[in-house]
């Protein structure tokens, strides 16, 4: 009689899916920029000027990449756009990612006021609120947000207006 090996009897576990989606915007391969069109001082002035116009840090990064040919600010200046804004005391009181979530919650709340039976929107609202609370907790721990700041739908509505 022939004996089977243990490895033959045990089925292999299925592979888990990749955590990253297959199609993403590729980051620049090099950490350094070949030769920037603008000088570091000019880049900093551009960032400050765009911030004074009311443009967010992520939009500034897109503008620098598309219009000025600077794929990564950190590669040229050695610091990120957010760090530059903090140095010049121009960073927003509420971080950009938190503000985006607050805008989404206010829009979902307005939708739910009109459509009370929309349970999938209600679930999305609950998930977004819990994400806001987790993010606020993180920002309190890292002292990027004052300890007094608390989330409520009323404060969210006031912030968005």
N, C-alpha and C. Protein backbone atom coordinates (compact mmCIF):
# COMPACT_ATOMS: atom_id res chain seq x y z
N UNK A 1 0.83 -1.19 0.00
CA UNK A 1 0.00 0.00 0.00
C UNK A 1 0.87 1.25 0.00
N UNK A 2 0.40 2.20 -0.70
CA UNK A 2 1.14 3.44 -0.85
C UNK A 2 0.64 4.46 0.17
N UNK A 3 1.56 5.12 0.87
CA UNK A 3 1.15 6.12 1.85
C UNK A 3 1.26 7.51 1.23
N UNK A 4 0.27 8.32 1.55
CA UNK A 4 0.28 9.69 1.03
C UNK A 4 1.02 10.59 2.00
N UNK A 5 1.67 11.56 1.45
CA UNK A 5 2.35 12.55 2.28
C UNK A 5 1.31 13.52 2.83
N UNK A 6 1.64 14.13 3.96
CA UNK A 6 0.71 15.08 4.58
C UNK A 6 0.42 16.27 3.68
N UNK A 7 1.40 16.69 2.94
CA UNK A 7 1.21 17.88 2.11
C UNK A 7 0.24 17.62 0.98
N UNK A 8 0.10 16.39 0.56
CA UNK A 8 -0.82 16.06 -0.53
C UNK A 8 -2.26 16.07 -0.05
N UNK A 9 -2.50 15.73 1.20
CA UNK A 9 -3.87 15.64 1.68
C UNK A 9 -4.44 16.99 2.09
N UNK A 10 -3.58 17.89 2.52
CA UNK A 10 -4.05 19.19 2.97
C UNK A 10 -4.13 20.13 1.78
N UNK A 11 -5.30 20.71 1.59
CA UNK A 11 -5.47 21.67 0.49
C UNK A 11 -4.83 22.99 0.87
N UNK A 12 -4.28 23.66 -0.12
CA UNK A 12 -3.66 24.96 0.14
C UNK A 12 -4.74 26.00 0.36
N UNK A 13 -4.46 26.91 1.26
CA UNK A 13 -5.41 27.99 1.55
C UNK A 13 -5.46 28.94 0.36
N UNK A 14 -6.64 29.46 0.07
CA UNK A 14 -6.73 30.40 -1.05
C UNK A 14 -5.98 31.69 -0.73
N UNK A 15 -5.46 32.31 -1.76
CA UNK A 15 -4.70 33.54 -1.56
C UNK A 15 -5.67 34.70 -1.33
N UNK A 16 -5.26 35.58 -0.44
CA UNK A 16 -6.09 36.75 -0.17
C UNK A 16 -5.91 37.77 -1.28
N UNK A 17 -6.89 38.61 -1.45
CA UNK A 17 -6.83 39.64 -2.48
C UNK A 17 -5.80 40.69 -2.10
N UNK A 18 -5.23 41.34 -3.10
CA UNK A 18 -4.29 42.43 -2.84
C UNK A 18 -5.02 43.56 -2.15
N UNK A 19 -4.31 44.25 -1.29
CA UNK A 19 -4.93 45.37 -0.58
C UNK A 19 -5.02 46.61 -1.46
N UNK A 20 -4.18 46.68 -2.48
CA UNK A 20 -4.21 47.84 -3.37
C UNK A 20 -5.02 47.53 -4.62
N UNK A 21 -5.74 48.51 -5.11
CA UNK A 21 -6.43 48.30 -6.38
C UNK A 21 -5.42 48.20 -7.51
N UNK A 22 -5.83 47.59 -8.60
CA UNK A 22 -4.89 47.34 -9.68
C UNK A 22 -4.52 48.60 -10.44
N UNK A 23 -5.42 49.58 -10.51
CA UNK A 23 -5.12 50.79 -11.28
C UNK A 23 -5.02 51.97 -10.34
N UNK A 24 -3.82 52.49 -10.21
CA UNK A 24 -3.57 53.65 -9.36
C UNK A 24 -2.67 54.61 -10.11
N UNK A 25 -2.69 55.85 -9.68
CA UNK A 25 -1.75 56.82 -10.22
C UNK A 25 -0.37 56.45 -9.68
N UNK A 26 0.57 56.25 -10.58
CA UNK A 26 1.91 55.84 -10.17
C UNK A 26 2.66 57.02 -9.58
N UNK A 27 3.35 56.77 -8.47
CA UNK A 27 4.18 57.80 -7.87
C UNK A 27 5.49 57.87 -8.65
N UNK A 28 6.14 59.02 -8.63
CA UNK A 28 7.41 59.12 -9.35
C UNK A 28 8.42 58.11 -8.82
N UNK A 29 9.15 57.47 -9.73
CA UNK A 29 10.10 56.43 -9.34
C UNK A 29 11.30 57.01 -8.60
N UNK A 30 11.77 58.16 -9.05
CA UNK A 30 12.93 58.78 -8.43
C UNK A 30 12.52 59.63 -7.25
N UNK A 31 13.37 59.68 -6.25
CA UNK A 31 13.11 60.52 -5.08
C UNK A 31 13.53 61.97 -5.35
N UNK A 32 14.40 62.16 -6.33
CA UNK A 32 14.86 63.51 -6.65
C UNK A 32 14.26 63.97 -7.97
N UNK A 33 14.15 65.27 -8.13
CA UNK A 33 13.62 65.84 -9.36
C UNK A 33 14.80 66.18 -10.26
N UNK A 34 14.65 65.94 -11.57
CA UNK A 34 15.76 66.16 -12.49
C UNK A 34 16.28 67.60 -12.43
N UNK A 35 15.47 68.56 -12.77
CA UNK A 35 15.83 69.96 -12.61
C UNK A 35 14.54 70.75 -12.58
N UNK A 36 14.15 71.23 -11.41
CA UNK A 36 12.88 71.94 -11.33
C UNK A 36 12.91 73.25 -12.11
N UNK A 37 11.77 73.60 -12.67
CA UNK A 37 11.64 74.83 -13.44
C UNK A 37 11.77 76.03 -12.50
N UNK A 38 11.17 75.91 -11.32
CA UNK A 38 11.20 77.00 -10.34
C UNK A 38 12.28 76.73 -9.29
N UNK A 39 12.79 77.79 -8.70
CA UNK A 39 13.74 77.65 -7.60
C UNK A 39 12.95 77.34 -6.33
N UNK A 40 13.61 76.72 -5.33
CA UNK A 40 12.90 76.38 -4.09
C UNK A 40 12.18 77.56 -3.44
N UNK A 41 12.78 78.73 -3.45
CA UNK A 41 12.14 79.91 -2.86
C UNK A 41 10.88 80.28 -3.64
N UNK A 42 10.94 80.17 -4.97
CA UNK A 42 9.78 80.48 -5.81
C UNK A 42 8.65 79.48 -5.58
N UNK A 43 9.03 78.22 -5.38
CA UNK A 43 8.02 77.18 -5.12
C UNK A 43 7.30 77.48 -3.81
N UNK A 44 8.08 77.86 -2.79
CA UNK A 44 7.48 78.20 -1.50
C UNK A 44 6.54 79.39 -1.62
N UNK A 45 6.96 80.41 -2.37
CA UNK A 45 6.12 81.59 -2.58
C UNK A 45 4.84 81.23 -3.34
N UNK A 46 4.96 80.31 -4.31
CA UNK A 46 3.79 79.86 -5.06
C UNK A 46 2.81 79.15 -4.13
N UNK A 47 3.33 78.31 -3.26
CA UNK A 47 2.48 77.58 -2.30
C UNK A 47 1.76 78.56 -1.39
N UNK A 48 2.47 79.55 -0.89
CA UNK A 48 1.86 80.54 0.01
C UNK A 48 0.81 81.36 -0.73
N UNK A 49 1.12 81.74 -1.97
CA UNK A 49 0.17 82.51 -2.77
C UNK A 49 -1.11 81.73 -3.05
N UNK A 50 -0.96 80.45 -3.39
CA UNK A 50 -2.13 79.62 -3.67
C UNK A 50 -2.96 79.39 -2.41
N UNK A 51 -2.28 79.27 -1.27
CA UNK A 51 -3.00 79.10 0.00
C UNK A 51 -3.81 80.35 0.33
N UNK A 52 -3.23 81.51 0.08
CA UNK A 52 -3.94 82.76 0.34
C UNK A 52 -5.15 82.93 -0.57
N UNK A 53 -5.15 82.24 -1.71
CA UNK A 53 -6.31 82.27 -2.61
C UNK A 53 -7.40 81.30 -2.15
N UNK A 54 -7.11 80.52 -1.11
CA UNK A 54 -8.11 79.60 -0.57
C UNK A 54 -8.04 78.20 -1.15
N UNK A 55 -6.91 77.84 -1.72
CA UNK A 55 -6.74 76.52 -2.32
C UNK A 55 -6.14 75.59 -1.27
N UNK A 56 -6.67 74.35 -1.20
CA UNK A 56 -6.21 73.39 -0.20
C UNK A 56 -4.84 72.81 -0.57
N UNK A 57 -4.20 72.16 0.39
CA UNK A 57 -2.85 71.61 0.20
C UNK A 57 -2.82 70.55 -0.90
N UNK A 58 -3.83 69.70 -0.96
CA UNK A 58 -3.85 68.65 -1.98
C UNK A 58 -4.03 69.26 -3.38
N UNK A 59 -4.86 70.29 -3.48
CA UNK A 59 -5.04 70.96 -4.77
C UNK A 59 -3.77 71.71 -5.19
N UNK A 60 -3.05 72.25 -4.21
CA UNK A 60 -1.78 72.91 -4.51
C UNK A 60 -0.80 71.90 -5.09
N UNK A 61 -0.76 70.70 -4.52
CA UNK A 61 0.10 69.64 -5.04
C UNK A 61 -0.23 69.30 -6.48
N UNK A 62 -1.53 69.24 -6.79
CA UNK A 62 -1.95 68.95 -8.16
C UNK A 62 -1.54 70.07 -9.11
N UNK A 63 -1.70 71.31 -8.67
CA UNK A 63 -1.32 72.46 -9.50
C UNK A 63 0.19 72.47 -9.75
N UNK A 64 0.97 72.22 -8.71
CA UNK A 64 2.43 72.19 -8.87
C UNK A 64 2.85 71.09 -9.83
N UNK A 65 2.18 69.95 -9.76
CA UNK A 65 2.52 68.84 -10.64
C UNK A 65 2.14 69.14 -12.08
N UNK A 66 0.91 69.62 -12.30
CA UNK A 66 0.42 69.78 -13.67
C UNK A 66 0.94 71.05 -14.35
N UNK A 67 1.01 72.16 -13.64
CA UNK A 67 1.36 73.43 -14.28
C UNK A 67 2.84 73.79 -14.16
N UNK A 68 3.50 73.33 -13.11
CA UNK A 68 4.89 73.73 -12.88
C UNK A 68 5.88 72.58 -13.03
N UNK A 69 5.41 71.38 -13.27
CA UNK A 69 6.30 70.24 -13.49
C UNK A 69 7.05 69.78 -12.26
N UNK A 70 6.44 69.94 -11.08
CA UNK A 70 7.07 69.50 -9.83
C UNK A 70 6.26 68.33 -9.30
N UNK A 71 6.72 67.08 -9.53
CA UNK A 71 5.92 65.93 -9.11
C UNK A 71 5.83 65.75 -7.60
N UNK A 72 6.91 66.05 -6.89
CA UNK A 72 6.91 65.90 -5.43
C UNK A 72 7.62 67.10 -4.82
N UNK A 73 6.90 67.83 -3.99
CA UNK A 73 7.46 69.00 -3.34
C UNK A 73 8.57 68.61 -2.37
N UNK A 74 8.39 67.48 -1.71
CA UNK A 74 9.37 67.03 -0.72
C UNK A 74 10.72 66.73 -1.37
N UNK A 75 10.71 66.26 -2.62
CA UNK A 75 11.95 65.95 -3.31
C UNK A 75 12.75 67.22 -3.61
N UNK A 76 12.05 68.33 -3.86
CA UNK A 76 12.73 69.58 -4.19
C UNK A 76 13.10 70.37 -2.94
N UNK A 77 12.13 70.52 -2.03
CA UNK A 77 12.31 71.38 -0.86
C UNK A 77 12.75 70.63 0.39
N UNK A 78 12.55 69.32 0.42
CA UNK A 78 12.87 68.55 1.61
C UNK A 78 11.78 68.59 2.66
N UNK A 79 10.64 69.19 2.34
CA UNK A 79 9.50 69.23 3.25
C UNK A 79 8.21 69.25 2.45
N UNK A 80 7.16 68.79 3.09
CA UNK A 80 5.87 68.69 2.40
C UNK A 80 5.16 70.04 2.37
N UNK A 81 4.10 70.10 1.58
CA UNK A 81 3.30 71.32 1.49
C UNK A 81 2.71 71.65 2.85
N UNK A 82 2.22 70.65 3.56
CA UNK A 82 1.64 70.88 4.89
C UNK A 82 2.67 71.45 5.86
N UNK A 83 3.90 70.95 5.80
CA UNK A 83 4.95 71.47 6.67
C UNK A 83 5.27 72.93 6.35
N UNK A 84 5.27 73.26 5.08
CA UNK A 84 5.51 74.65 4.66
C UNK A 84 4.40 75.55 5.19
N UNK A 85 3.16 75.08 5.09
CA UNK A 85 2.03 75.87 5.58
C UNK A 85 2.10 76.06 7.09
N UNK A 86 2.53 75.02 7.82
CA UNK A 86 2.68 75.15 9.28
C UNK A 86 3.76 76.17 9.64
N UNK A 87 4.87 76.15 8.90
CA UNK A 87 5.96 77.10 9.16
C UNK A 87 5.49 78.54 9.01
N UNK A 88 4.64 78.78 8.03
CA UNK A 88 4.15 80.13 7.76
C UNK A 88 2.82 80.42 8.46
N UNK A 89 2.42 79.49 9.33
CA UNK A 89 1.17 79.61 10.11
C UNK A 89 -0.05 79.82 9.21
N UNK A 90 -0.09 79.06 8.12
CA UNK A 90 -1.21 79.13 7.19
C UNK A 90 -2.00 77.83 7.14
N UNK A 91 -1.62 76.86 7.97
CA UNK A 91 -2.33 75.58 7.94
C UNK A 91 -3.74 75.76 8.51
N UNK A 92 -4.70 75.04 7.96
CA UNK A 92 -6.08 75.21 8.42
C UNK A 92 -6.26 74.71 9.86
N UNK A 93 -7.24 75.28 10.54
CA UNK A 93 -7.51 74.90 11.93
C UNK A 93 -7.96 73.44 12.00
N UNK A 94 -8.79 73.03 11.04
CA UNK A 94 -9.26 71.65 10.96
C UNK A 94 -8.55 71.00 9.77
N UNK A 95 -7.90 69.85 9.98
CA UNK A 95 -7.17 69.19 8.89
C UNK A 95 -8.07 68.89 7.68
N UNK A 96 -7.43 68.86 6.53
CA UNK A 96 -8.14 68.76 5.26
C UNK A 96 -8.96 67.47 5.14
N UNK A 97 -8.39 66.34 5.56
CA UNK A 97 -9.12 65.07 5.44
C UNK A 97 -10.35 65.05 6.34
N UNK A 98 -10.23 65.62 7.52
CA UNK A 98 -11.37 65.69 8.43
C UNK A 98 -12.46 66.61 7.86
N UNK A 99 -12.05 67.71 7.26
CA UNK A 99 -13.02 68.65 6.68
C UNK A 99 -13.77 68.00 5.51
N UNK A 100 -13.09 67.17 4.73
CA UNK A 100 -13.74 66.48 3.62
C UNK A 100 -14.81 65.52 4.15
N UNK A 101 -14.49 64.81 5.23
CA UNK A 101 -15.46 63.90 5.83
C UNK A 101 -16.65 64.67 6.41
N UNK A 102 -16.39 65.83 6.99
CA UNK A 102 -17.47 66.65 7.55
C UNK A 102 -18.40 67.13 6.44
N UNK A 103 -17.82 67.54 5.31
CA UNK A 103 -18.66 67.95 4.16
C UNK A 103 -19.54 66.79 3.70
N UNK A 104 -18.96 65.59 3.65
CA UNK A 104 -19.72 64.42 3.22
C UNK A 104 -20.87 64.13 4.18
N UNK A 105 -20.61 64.23 5.49
CA UNK A 105 -21.64 63.96 6.50
C UNK A 105 -22.78 64.96 6.38
N UNK A 106 -22.46 66.22 6.16
CA UNK A 106 -23.50 67.25 6.04
C UNK A 106 -24.36 66.98 4.81
N UNK A 107 -23.74 66.58 3.71
CA UNK A 107 -24.50 66.26 2.50
C UNK A 107 -25.39 65.04 2.73
N UNK A 108 -24.85 64.02 3.40
CA UNK A 108 -25.64 62.82 3.70
C UNK A 108 -26.79 63.14 4.65
N UNK A 109 -26.55 64.01 5.62
CA UNK A 109 -27.59 64.39 6.56
C UNK A 109 -28.73 65.12 5.84
N UNK A 110 -28.37 66.02 4.94
CA UNK A 110 -29.40 66.74 4.17
C UNK A 110 -30.20 65.75 3.32
N UNK A 111 -29.52 64.77 2.74
CA UNK A 111 -30.20 63.75 1.94
C UNK A 111 -31.15 62.93 2.80
N UNK A 112 -30.69 62.56 4.00
CA UNK A 112 -31.52 61.73 4.89
C UNK A 112 -32.71 62.50 5.44
N UNK A 113 -32.62 63.82 5.52
CA UNK A 113 -33.78 64.61 5.96
C UNK A 113 -34.91 64.50 4.95
N UNK A 114 -34.55 64.42 3.66
CA UNK A 114 -35.56 64.32 2.60
C UNK A 114 -35.99 62.88 2.38
N UNK A 115 -35.07 61.93 2.52
CA UNK A 115 -35.31 60.52 2.20
C UNK A 115 -35.09 59.67 3.44
N UNK A 116 -36.08 59.62 4.29
CA UNK A 116 -35.94 58.94 5.59
C UNK A 116 -35.82 57.42 5.45
N UNK A 117 -36.28 56.85 4.36
CA UNK A 117 -36.25 55.39 4.18
C UNK A 117 -34.99 54.90 3.45
N UNK A 118 -34.09 55.78 3.15
CA UNK A 118 -32.87 55.39 2.44
C UNK A 118 -31.87 54.80 3.44
N UNK A 119 -31.98 53.49 3.63
CA UNK A 119 -31.19 52.82 4.66
C UNK A 119 -29.72 52.67 4.27
N UNK A 120 -29.43 52.53 2.99
CA UNK A 120 -28.03 52.43 2.59
C UNK A 120 -27.32 53.77 2.81
N UNK A 121 -28.02 54.88 2.58
CA UNK A 121 -27.43 56.19 2.87
C UNK A 121 -27.26 56.38 4.37
N UNK A 122 -28.20 55.84 5.14
CA UNK A 122 -28.10 55.94 6.60
C UNK A 122 -26.88 55.17 7.10
N UNK A 123 -26.63 54.01 6.51
CA UNK A 123 -25.46 53.22 6.87
C UNK A 123 -24.17 53.97 6.50
N UNK A 124 -24.15 54.58 5.32
CA UNK A 124 -23.00 55.37 4.91
C UNK A 124 -22.76 56.53 5.85
N UNK A 125 -23.85 57.14 6.32
CA UNK A 125 -23.77 58.24 7.28
C UNK A 125 -23.14 57.75 8.59
N UNK A 126 -23.60 56.59 9.07
CA UNK A 126 -23.07 56.04 10.31
C UNK A 126 -21.57 55.72 10.19
N UNK A 127 -21.19 55.14 9.06
CA UNK A 127 -19.78 54.80 8.85
C UNK A 127 -18.91 56.05 8.79
N UNK A 128 -19.43 57.08 8.13
CA UNK A 128 -18.66 58.33 8.01
C UNK A 128 -18.52 59.02 9.36
N UNK A 129 -19.59 59.02 10.16
CA UNK A 129 -19.52 59.63 11.49
C UNK A 129 -18.52 58.88 12.36
N UNK A 130 -18.51 57.56 12.28
CA UNK A 130 -17.55 56.80 13.10
C UNK A 130 -16.12 57.06 12.63
N UNK A 131 -15.93 57.24 11.33
CA UNK A 131 -14.60 57.57 10.82
C UNK A 131 -14.16 58.95 11.31
N UNK A 132 -15.10 59.89 11.35
CA UNK A 132 -14.79 61.23 11.86
C UNK A 132 -14.37 61.13 13.32
N UNK A 133 -15.10 60.36 14.11
CA UNK A 133 -14.78 60.24 15.54
C UNK A 133 -13.40 59.61 15.76
N UNK A 134 -13.07 58.60 14.96
CA UNK A 134 -11.74 57.98 15.07
C UNK A 134 -10.64 58.98 14.69
N UNK A 135 -10.89 59.74 13.64
CA UNK A 135 -9.91 60.72 13.18
C UNK A 135 -9.73 61.84 14.20
N UNK A 136 -10.83 62.29 14.80
CA UNK A 136 -10.76 63.33 15.84
C UNK A 136 -9.96 62.82 17.03
N UNK A 137 -10.17 61.56 17.40
CA UNK A 137 -9.42 60.96 18.51
C UNK A 137 -7.92 60.96 18.20
N UNK A 138 -7.58 60.60 16.97
CA UNK A 138 -6.18 60.61 16.54
C UNK A 138 -5.60 62.02 16.58
N UNK A 139 -6.35 62.99 16.07
CA UNK A 139 -5.87 64.37 16.05
C UNK A 139 -5.75 64.96 17.45
N UNK A 140 -6.58 64.51 18.39
CA UNK A 140 -6.43 64.93 19.78
C UNK A 140 -5.13 64.37 20.35
N UNK A 141 -4.84 63.10 20.06
CA UNK A 141 -3.63 62.46 20.58
C UNK A 141 -2.36 63.10 20.01
N UNK A 142 -2.40 63.46 18.73
CA UNK A 142 -1.22 64.06 18.10
C UNK A 142 -1.19 65.58 18.24
N UNK A 143 -2.18 66.14 18.93
CA UNK A 143 -2.28 67.57 19.21
C UNK A 143 -2.37 68.42 17.95
N UNK A 144 -2.98 67.87 16.91
CA UNK A 144 -3.22 68.64 15.70
C UNK A 144 -4.58 69.33 15.75
N UNK A 145 -5.38 68.94 16.73
CA UNK A 145 -6.71 69.51 16.93
C UNK A 145 -6.85 69.77 18.43
N UNK A 146 -7.45 70.90 18.79
CA UNK A 146 -7.55 71.23 20.22
C UNK A 146 -8.45 70.23 20.93
N UNK A 147 -8.15 70.00 22.20
CA UNK A 147 -8.91 69.03 23.00
C UNK A 147 -10.37 69.46 23.17
N UNK A 148 -10.64 70.75 23.07
CA UNK A 148 -11.99 71.26 23.23
C UNK A 148 -12.90 70.90 22.05
N UNK A 149 -12.30 70.69 20.88
CA UNK A 149 -13.09 70.45 19.67
C UNK A 149 -13.79 69.10 19.75
N UNK A 150 -15.09 69.11 19.58
CA UNK A 150 -15.90 67.89 19.58
C UNK A 150 -16.76 67.88 18.33
N UNK A 151 -17.02 66.69 17.82
CA UNK A 151 -17.87 66.57 16.64
C UNK A 151 -19.34 66.52 17.05
N UNK A 152 -20.15 67.27 16.35
CA UNK A 152 -21.61 67.13 16.40
C UNK A 152 -22.11 67.59 15.04
N UNK A 153 -23.29 67.15 14.67
CA UNK A 153 -23.82 67.50 13.36
C UNK A 153 -24.07 69.01 13.27
N UNK A 154 -24.39 69.65 14.39
CA UNK A 154 -24.62 71.10 14.38
C UNK A 154 -23.33 71.85 14.06
N UNK A 155 -22.23 71.45 14.73
CA UNK A 155 -20.95 72.11 14.45
C UNK A 155 -20.51 71.82 13.02
N UNK A 156 -20.81 70.62 12.54
CA UNK A 156 -20.46 70.25 11.16
C UNK A 156 -21.19 71.15 10.17
N UNK A 157 -22.48 71.37 10.40
CA UNK A 157 -23.26 72.24 9.51
C UNK A 157 -22.70 73.66 9.51
N UNK A 158 -22.31 74.15 10.69
CA UNK A 158 -21.76 75.50 10.78
C UNK A 158 -20.41 75.61 10.07
N UNK A 159 -19.59 74.57 10.16
CA UNK A 159 -18.28 74.59 9.51
C UNK A 159 -18.40 74.60 8.00
N UNK A 160 -19.39 73.88 7.47
CA UNK A 160 -19.53 73.76 6.03
C UNK A 160 -20.08 75.05 5.42
N UNK A 161 -20.95 75.75 6.17
CA UNK A 161 -21.54 76.98 5.63
C UNK A 161 -20.57 78.06 5.49
